[in-house]
Amino acid sequence: MFRTALLLTCLLAPATSLAENITVYKCVIKGIATFSQFPCATDAEAITLKNINVTAAYNTAEKSNDIADTSVDDYLQIQQIERDIKRYQLAITEYKQQFAAEKQQISYITQDQANRLGAASISDAIATKTAALQQTYDALITQAQQQIDTLKQQQEKLTQRP
């Protein structure tokens, strides 16, 4: 029974607002405004703060704002684009390093491995494996470069906005 009541309380708590208006007292002490929940002097000024539904207030303020300042948004988006470009450039560098490492491993093919691949010789097997590896990494590098080009175009459009 207790668990059921607790569960209902937890489920209904977000739907109901138990907050009331809040009274704050403003006092001037040695020329400095001080705020307290209790009167701090005989001449304390009582200020009543209304309980505001922040979500509703934000939605109405957002709808009434017809003119949006996009300069900050554009700046942040340009910064994100620059980070993404650097990330893709690093990926290209890593692809090249991985290709070089795997190509080095291919050069260690034995005659037995070449025979399993159906190559006439070790050099044919190395050439075949290297060509396939080159094709794989070229596709990855081309894809990353296309992403960089797309991001640069987006960046250029953002910098040309008035």
C-alpha atoms as a PDB file:
ATOM      1  CA  MET A   1       0.000   0.000   0.000  1.00  0.00           C
ATOM      2  CA  PHE A   2       2.799   2.375   0.941  1.00  0.00           C
ATOM      3  CA  ARG A   3       4.622   1.618  -2.311  1.00  0.00           C
ATOM      4  CA  THR A   4       1.500   2.320  -4.338  1.00  0.00           C
ATOM      5  CA  ALA A   5       1.006   5.674  -2.640  1.00  0.00           C
ATOM      6  CA  LEU A   6       4.665   6.544  -3.168  1.00  0.00           C
ATOM      7  CA  LEU A   7       4.461   5.557  -6.827  1.00  0.00           C
ATOM      8  CA  LEU A   8       1.354   7.687  -7.361  1.00  0.00           C
ATOM      9  CA  THR A   9       3.011  10.628  -5.633  1.00  0.00           C
ATOM     10  CA  CYS A  10       6.072  10.335  -7.851  1.00  0.00           C
ATOM     11  CA  LEU A  11       3.974  10.069 -10.988  1.00  0.00           C
ATOM     12  CA  LEU A  12       1.721  12.998 -10.142  1.00  0.00           C
ATOM     13  CA  ALA A  13       4.417  15.313  -8.758  1.00  0.00           C
ATOM     14  CA  PRO A  14       5.586  16.639 -12.160  1.00  0.00           C
ATOM     15  CA  ALA A  15       1.984  17.365 -13.164  1.00  0.00           C
ATOM     16  CA  THR A  16       1.232  19.501 -10.144  1.00  0.00           C
ATOM     17  CA  SER A  17       3.014  22.601  -8.963  1.00  0.00           C
ATOM     18  CA  LEU A  18       3.308  22.925  -5.219  1.00  0.00           C
ATOM     19  CA  ALA A  19       5.467  26.034  -5.381  1.00  0.00           C
ATOM     20  CA  GLU A  20       3.915  29.240  -4.115  1.00  0.00           C
ATOM     21  CA  ASN A  21       4.894  32.830  -4.596  1.00  0.00           C
ATOM     22  CA  ILE A  22       8.132  33.549  -2.767  1.00  0.00           C
ATOM     23  CA  THR A  23       8.715  36.585  -0.581  1.00  0.00           C
ATOM     24  CA  VAL A  24      12.240  37.975  -0.404  1.00  0.00           C
ATOM     25  CA  TYR A  25      13.342  40.888   1.754  1.00  0.00           C
ATOM     26  CA  LYS A  26      15.681  43.575   0.463  1.00  0.00           C
ATOM     27  CA  CYS A  27      17.778  45.514   2.954  1.00  0.00           C
ATOM     28  CA  VAL A  28      20.471  48.084   2.351  1.00  0.00           C
ATOM     29  CA  ILE A  29      23.380  47.411   4.715  1.00  0.00           C
ATOM     30  CA  LYS A  30      26.336  49.814   4.502  1.00  0.00           C
ATOM     31  CA  GLY A  31      25.226  50.873   1.027  1.00  0.00           C
ATOM     32  CA  ILE A  32      25.021  47.322  -0.312  1.00  0.00           C
ATOM     33  CA  ALA A  33      21.714  45.737  -1.256  1.00  0.00           C
ATOM     34  CA  THR A  34      21.248  42.443   0.581  1.00  0.00           C
ATOM     35  CA  PHE A  35      18.497  39.921  -0.021  1.00  0.00           C
ATOM     36  CA  SER A  36      17.203  37.461   2.564  1.00  0.00           C
ATOM     37  CA  GLN A  37      14.237  35.208   3.135  1.00  0.00           C
ATOM     38  CA  PHE A  38      13.727  36.864   6.544  1.00  0.00           C
ATOM     39  CA  PRO A  39      13.477  40.603   7.287  1.00  0.00           C
ATOM     40  CA  CYS A  40      17.049  41.733   7.880  1.00  0.00           C
ATOM     41  CA  ALA A  41      16.252  45.263   9.124  1.00  0.00           C
ATOM     42  CA  THR A  42      13.303  47.358  10.252  1.00  0.00           C
ATOM     43  CA  ASP A  43      13.138  49.103   6.879  1.00  0.00           C
ATOM     44  CA  ALA A  44      13.283  45.829   4.874  1.00  0.00           C
ATOM     45  CA  GLU A  45      11.423  46.003   1.577  1.00  0.00           C
ATOM     46  CA  ALA A  46       9.311  42.911   0.864  1.00  0.00           C
ATOM     47  CA  ILE A  47       9.545  41.672  -2.712  1.00  0.00           C
ATOM     48  CA  THR A  48       7.143  38.968  -3.878  1.00  0.00           C
ATOM     49  CA  LEU A  49       8.395  36.730  -6.668  1.00  0.00           C
ATOM     50  CA  LYS A  50       5.710  35.007  -8.681  1.00  0.00           C
ATOM     51  CA  ASN A  51       5.948  31.332  -9.464  1.00  0.00           C
ATOM     52  CA  ILE A  52       6.664  31.200 -13.184  1.00  0.00           C
ATOM     53  CA  ASN A  53       6.258  28.178 -15.406  1.00  0.00           C
ATOM     54  CA  VAL A  54       9.626  28.404 -17.130  1.00  0.00           C
ATOM     55  CA  THR A  55       8.662  26.126 -19.987  1.00  0.00           C
ATOM     56  CA  ALA A  56       5.593  28.142 -20.870  1.00  0.00           C
ATOM     57  CA  ALA A  57       7.442  31.438 -20.476  1.00  0.00           C
ATOM     58  CA  TYR A  58      10.262  30.224 -22.721  1.00  0.00           C
ATOM     59  CA  ASN A  59       7.863  29.023 -25.416  1.00  0.00           C
ATOM     60  CA  THR A  60       5.964  32.328 -25.504  1.00  0.00           C
ATOM     61  CA  ALA A  61       9.200  34.336 -25.530  1.00  0.00           C
ATOM     62  CA  GLU A  62      10.541  32.205 -28.360  1.00  0.00           C
ATOM     63  CA  LYS A  63       7.410  32.660 -30.460  1.00  0.00           C
ATOM     64  CA  SER A  64       7.393  36.421 -29.990  1.00  0.00           C
ATOM     65  CA  ASN A  65      11.002  36.769 -31.105  1.00  0.00           C
ATOM     66  CA  ASP A  66      10.628  37.164 -34.877  1.00  0.00           C
ATOM     67  CA  ILE A  67      14.195  38.341 -35.520  1.00  0.00           C
ATOM     68  CA  ALA A  68      16.876  35.833 -34.637  1.00  0.00           C
ATOM     69  CA  ASP A  69      20.514  36.787 -34.290  1.00  0.00           C
ATOM     70  CA  THR A  70      22.310  34.028 -36.136  1.00  0.00           C
ATOM     71  CA  SER A  71      25.818  35.428 -35.881  1.00  0.00           C
ATOM     72  CA  VAL A  72      26.610  33.416 -32.745  1.00  0.00           C
ATOM     73  CA  ASP A  73      24.995  30.310 -34.194  1.00  0.00           C
ATOM     74  CA  ASP A  74      26.965  30.755 -37.408  1.00  0.00           C
ATOM     75  CA  TYR A  75      30.203  31.180 -35.481  1.00  0.00           C
ATOM     76  CA  LEU A  76      29.561  28.030 -33.464  1.00  0.00           C
ATOM     77  CA  GLN A  77      28.632  26.112 -36.592  1.00  0.00           C
ATOM     78  CA  ILE A  78      31.810  27.293 -38.352  1.00  0.00           C
ATOM     79  CA  GLN A  79      33.864  26.161 -35.345  1.00  0.00           C
ATOM     80  CA  GLN A  80      32.178  22.738 -35.483  1.00  0.00           C
ATOM     81  CA  ILE A  81      32.851  22.506 -39.212  1.00  0.00           C
ATOM     82  CA  GLU A  82      36.533  23.310 -38.652  1.00  0.00           C
ATOM     83  CA  ARG A  83      36.741  20.565 -36.018  1.00  0.00           C
ATOM     84  CA  ASP A  84      35.063  18.106 -38.384  1.00  0.00           C
ATOM     85  CA  ILE A  85      37.466  19.031 -41.193  1.00  0.00           C
ATOM     86  CA  LYS A  86      40.435  18.406 -38.901  1.00  0.00           C
ATOM     87  CA  ARG A  87      38.909  15.097 -37.835  1.00  0.00           C
ATOM     88  CA  TYR A  88      38.568  13.982 -41.473  1.00  0.00           C
ATOM     89  CA  GLN A  89      42.113  15.146 -42.252  1.00  0.00           C
ATOM     90  CA  LEU A  90      43.381  13.063 -39.337  1.00  0.00           C
ATOM     91  CA  ALA A  91      41.369  10.111 -40.625  1.00  0.00           C
ATOM     92  CA  ILE A  92      43.004  10.455 -44.041  1.00  0.00           C
ATOM     93  CA  THR A  93      46.444  10.505 -42.411  1.00  0.00           C
ATOM     94  CA  GLU A  94      45.554   7.401 -40.395  1.00  0.00           C
ATOM     95  CA  TYR A  95      44.283   5.626 -43.526  1.00  0.00           C
ATOM     96  CA  LYS A  96      47.583   6.325 -45.255  1.00  0.00           C
ATOM     97  CA  GLN A  97      49.534   5.004 -42.273  1.00  0.00           C
ATOM     98  CA  GLN A  98      47.373   1.904 -42.040  1.00  0.00           C
ATOM     99  CA  PHE A  99      47.798   1.291 -45.768  1.00  0.00           C
ATOM    100  CA  ALA A 100      51.574   1.559 -45.447  1.00  0.00           C
ATOM    101  CA  ALA A 101      51.611  -0.857 -42.488  1.00  0.00           C
ATOM    102  CA  GLU A 102      49.389  -3.396 -44.229  1.00  0.00           C
ATOM    103  CA  LYS A 103      51.368  -3.072 -47.453  1.00  0.00           C
ATOM    104  CA  GLN A 104      54.510  -3.862 -45.470  1.00  0.00           C
ATOM    105  CA  GLN A 105      52.824  -6.998 -44.106  1.00  0.00           C
ATOM    106  CA  ILE A 106      51.827  -8.044 -47.627  1.00  0.00           C
ATOM    107  CA  SER A 107      55.476  -7.997 -48.671  1.00  0.00           C
ATOM    108  CA  TYR A 108      56.074 -10.909 -46.286  1.00  0.00           C
ATOM    109  CA  ILE A 109      53.924 -13.337 -48.316  1.00  0.00           C
ATOM    110  CA  THR A 110      55.403 -16.802 -48.628  1.00  0.00           C
ATOM    111  CA  GLN A 111      55.210 -19.116 -51.644  1.00  0.00           C
ATOM    112  CA  ASP A 112      52.652 -21.251 -49.826  1.00  0.00           C
ATOM    113  CA  GLN A 113      50.381 -18.215 -49.270  1.00  0.00           C
ATOM    114  CA  ALA A 114      50.852 -17.175 -52.896  1.00  0.00           C
ATOM    115  CA  ASN A 115      49.814 -20.644 -54.033  1.00  0.00           C
ATOM    116  CA  ARG A 116      46.663 -20.468 -51.873  1.00  0.00           C
ATOM    117  CA  LEU A 117      45.797 -17.150 -53.529  1.00  0.00           C
ATOM    118  CA  GLY A 118      46.165 -18.788 -56.947  1.00  0.00           C
ATOM    119  CA  ALA A 119      49.061 -16.552 -57.970  1.00  0.00           C
ATOM    120  CA  ALA A 120      51.830 -17.811 -60.237  1.00  0.00           C
ATOM    121  CA  SER A 121      54.517 -16.244 -58.065  1.00  0.00           C
ATOM    122  CA  ILE A 122      55.075 -14.339 -54.851  1.00  0.00           C
ATOM    123  CA  SER A 123      55.365 -11.037 -56.718  1.00  0.00           C
ATOM    124  CA  ASP A 124      52.008 -11.653 -58.457  1.00  0.00           C
ATOM    125  CA  ALA A 125      50.389 -12.389 -55.091  1.00  0.00           C
ATOM    126  CA  ILE A 126      51.901  -9.234 -53.596  1.00  0.00           C
ATOM    127  CA  ALA A 127      50.695  -7.164 -56.560  1.00  0.00           C
ATOM    128  CA  THR A 128      47.179  -8.623 -56.344  1.00  0.00           C
ATOM    129  CA  LYS A 129      46.875  -8.100 -52.579  1.00  0.00           C
ATOM    130  CA  THR A 130      48.387  -4.605 -52.804  1.00  0.00           C
ATOM    131  CA  ALA A 131      45.964  -3.587 -55.574  1.00  0.00           C
ATOM    132  CA  ALA A 132      42.969  -4.758 -53.533  1.00  0.00           C
ATOM    133  CA  LEU A 133      44.284  -2.989 -50.438  1.00  0.00           C
ATOM    134  CA  GLN A 134      44.976   0.177 -52.453  1.00  0.00           C
ATOM    135  CA  GLN A 135      41.431   0.131 -53.797  1.00  0.00           C
ATOM    136  CA  THR A 136      39.972  -0.197 -50.299  1.00  0.00           C
ATOM    137  CA  TYR A 137      41.989   2.653 -48.815  1.00  0.00           C
ATOM    138  CA  ASP A 138      41.537   4.875 -51.881  1.00  0.00           C
ATOM    139  CA  ALA A 139      37.755   4.562 -51.412  1.00  0.00           C
ATOM    140  CA  LEU A 140      38.042   5.516 -47.723  1.00  0.00           C
ATOM    141  CA  ILE A 141      40.325   8.469 -48.480  1.00  0.00           C
ATOM    142  CA  THR A 142      38.069   9.660 -51.323  1.00  0.00           C
ATOM    143  CA  GLN A 143      35.027   9.487 -49.075  1.00  0.00           C
ATOM    144  CA  ALA A 144      36.767  11.490 -46.330  1.00  0.00           C
ATOM    145  CA  GLN A 145      37.968  14.052 -48.896  1.00  0.00           C
ATOM    146  CA  GLN A 146      34.409  14.437 -50.215  1.00  0.00           C
ATOM    147  CA  GLN A 147      33.219  15.091 -46.674  1.00  0.00           C
ATOM    148  CA  ILE A 148      35.932  17.735 -46.281  1.00  0.00           C
ATOM    149  CA  ASP A 149      34.879  19.387 -49.544  1.00  0.00           C
ATOM    150  CA  THR A 150      31.233  19.418 -48.460  1.00  0.00           C
ATOM    151  CA  LEU A 151      32.137  20.927 -45.098  1.00  0.00           C
ATOM    152  CA  LYS A 152      34.264  23.611 -46.761  1.00  0.00           C
ATOM    153  CA  GLN A 153      31.313  24.558 -48.965  1.00  0.00           C
ATOM    154  CA  GLN A 154      29.071  24.842 -45.908  1.00  0.00           C
ATOM    155  CA  GLN A 155      31.717  26.934 -44.174  1.00  0.00           C
ATOM    156  CA  GLU A 156      31.997  29.235 -47.174  1.00  0.00           C
ATOM    157  CA  LYS A 157      28.210  29.740 -47.242  1.00  0.00           C
ATOM    158  CA  LEU A 158      28.189  30.612 -43.553  1.00  0.00           C
ATOM    159  CA  THR A 159      31.030  33.116 -43.878  1.00  0.00           C
ATOM    160  CA  GLN A 160      29.311  34.852 -46.799  1.00  0.00           C
ATOM    161  CA  ARG A 161      26.098  35.553 -44.865  1.00  0.00           C
ATOM    162  CA  PRO A 162      25.554  39.230 -44.075  1.00  0.00           C
END
